[in-house]
Amino acid sequence: MRACCSRQYPKLTHEGDWDEVFEVVKRATEAVGAFGSRVSLVLKADIRPGYTGELTAKLDRLEQALGE
């Protein structure tokens, strides 16, 4: 599974199969829950059968388009 996080926005992006992704979601929710009585969670899924490695592929395509 691959993961990336942006410093500008409080979000974490994961790529992997459902079991791996939801295990990370579960652990993160439990970790945050230790500091309060409520955890707010929003999930967004972009499911594209047949595509893998899109976290890095998107950046590769952008760098190629910029001529880097």
Protein backbone atom coordinates (compact mmCIF):
# COMPACT_ATOMS: atom_id res chain seq x y z
CA MET A 1 0.00 0.00 0.00
CA ARG A 2 1.20 3.50 -0.76
CA ALA A 3 0.33 6.59 1.24
CA CYS A 4 0.95 10.30 0.95
CA CYS A 5 0.01 13.26 3.05
CA SER A 6 -0.19 16.95 2.23
CA ARG A 7 1.08 19.54 4.69
CA GLN A 8 -1.43 22.06 3.33
CA TYR A 9 -4.55 20.01 3.95
CA PRO A 10 -5.34 17.66 6.85
CA LYS A 11 -5.92 14.62 4.72
CA LEU A 12 -4.19 11.36 4.08
CA THR A 13 -4.36 9.53 0.78
CA HIS A 14 -3.95 5.77 0.60
CA GLU A 15 -3.78 3.39 -2.29
CA GLY A 16 -4.21 -0.33 -1.78
CA ASP A 17 -6.79 -3.04 -1.42
CA TRP A 18 -9.86 -2.56 0.80
CA ASP A 19 -8.55 -4.61 3.72
CA GLU A 20 -5.27 -2.69 3.86
CA VAL A 21 -6.93 0.71 3.50
CA PHE A 22 -9.60 0.09 6.12
CA GLU A 23 -7.05 -1.27 8.58
CA VAL A 24 -5.22 2.07 8.30
CA VAL A 25 -8.53 3.94 8.72
CA LYS A 26 -9.35 1.87 11.81
CA ARG A 27 -5.93 2.43 13.41
CA ALA A 28 -5.98 6.16 12.67
CA THR A 29 -9.50 6.54 14.08
CA GLU A 30 -8.54 4.68 17.24
CA ALA A 31 -5.38 6.79 17.66
CA VAL A 32 -7.28 10.07 17.31
CA GLY A 33 -10.10 8.78 19.53
CA ALA A 34 -7.66 8.40 22.40
CA PHE A 35 -7.55 12.21 22.65
CA GLY A 36 -11.28 12.91 22.84
CA SER A 37 -14.76 11.52 22.99
CA ARG A 38 -15.60 12.00 19.30
CA VAL A 39 -13.93 11.37 15.95
CA SER A 40 -15.27 12.86 12.73
CA LEU A 41 -14.30 10.94 9.62
CA VAL A 42 -14.97 11.57 5.93
CA LEU A 43 -13.98 8.95 3.35
CA LYS A 44 -13.78 9.39 -0.39
CA ALA A 45 -13.04 6.49 -2.72
CA ASP A 46 -11.91 6.72 -6.33
CA ILE A 47 -12.23 3.15 -7.56
CA ARG A 48 -10.65 2.49 -10.95
CA PRO A 49 -10.47 -1.21 -11.79
CA GLY A 50 -7.32 -2.08 -13.68
CA TYR A 51 -5.33 0.92 -12.41
CA THR A 52 -2.59 0.69 -9.80
CA GLY A 53 0.20 3.01 -8.76
CA GLU A 54 -1.79 6.14 -9.58
CA LEU A 55 -0.39 8.14 -6.64
CA THR A 56 3.02 8.27 -8.27
CA ALA A 57 1.87 7.91 -11.88
CA LYS A 58 -0.07 11.17 -11.69
CA LEU A 59 3.04 13.03 -10.52
CA ASP A 60 5.14 11.33 -13.20
CA ARG A 61 2.70 12.48 -15.91
CA LEU A 62 2.74 16.03 -14.55
CA GLU A 63 6.55 16.17 -14.44
CA GLN A 64 6.69 14.80 -17.99
CA ALA A 65 4.24 17.45 -19.19
CA LEU A 66 6.36 20.16 -17.52
CA GLY A 67 9.48 18.80 -19.18
CA GLU A 68 11.28 17.85 -16.00
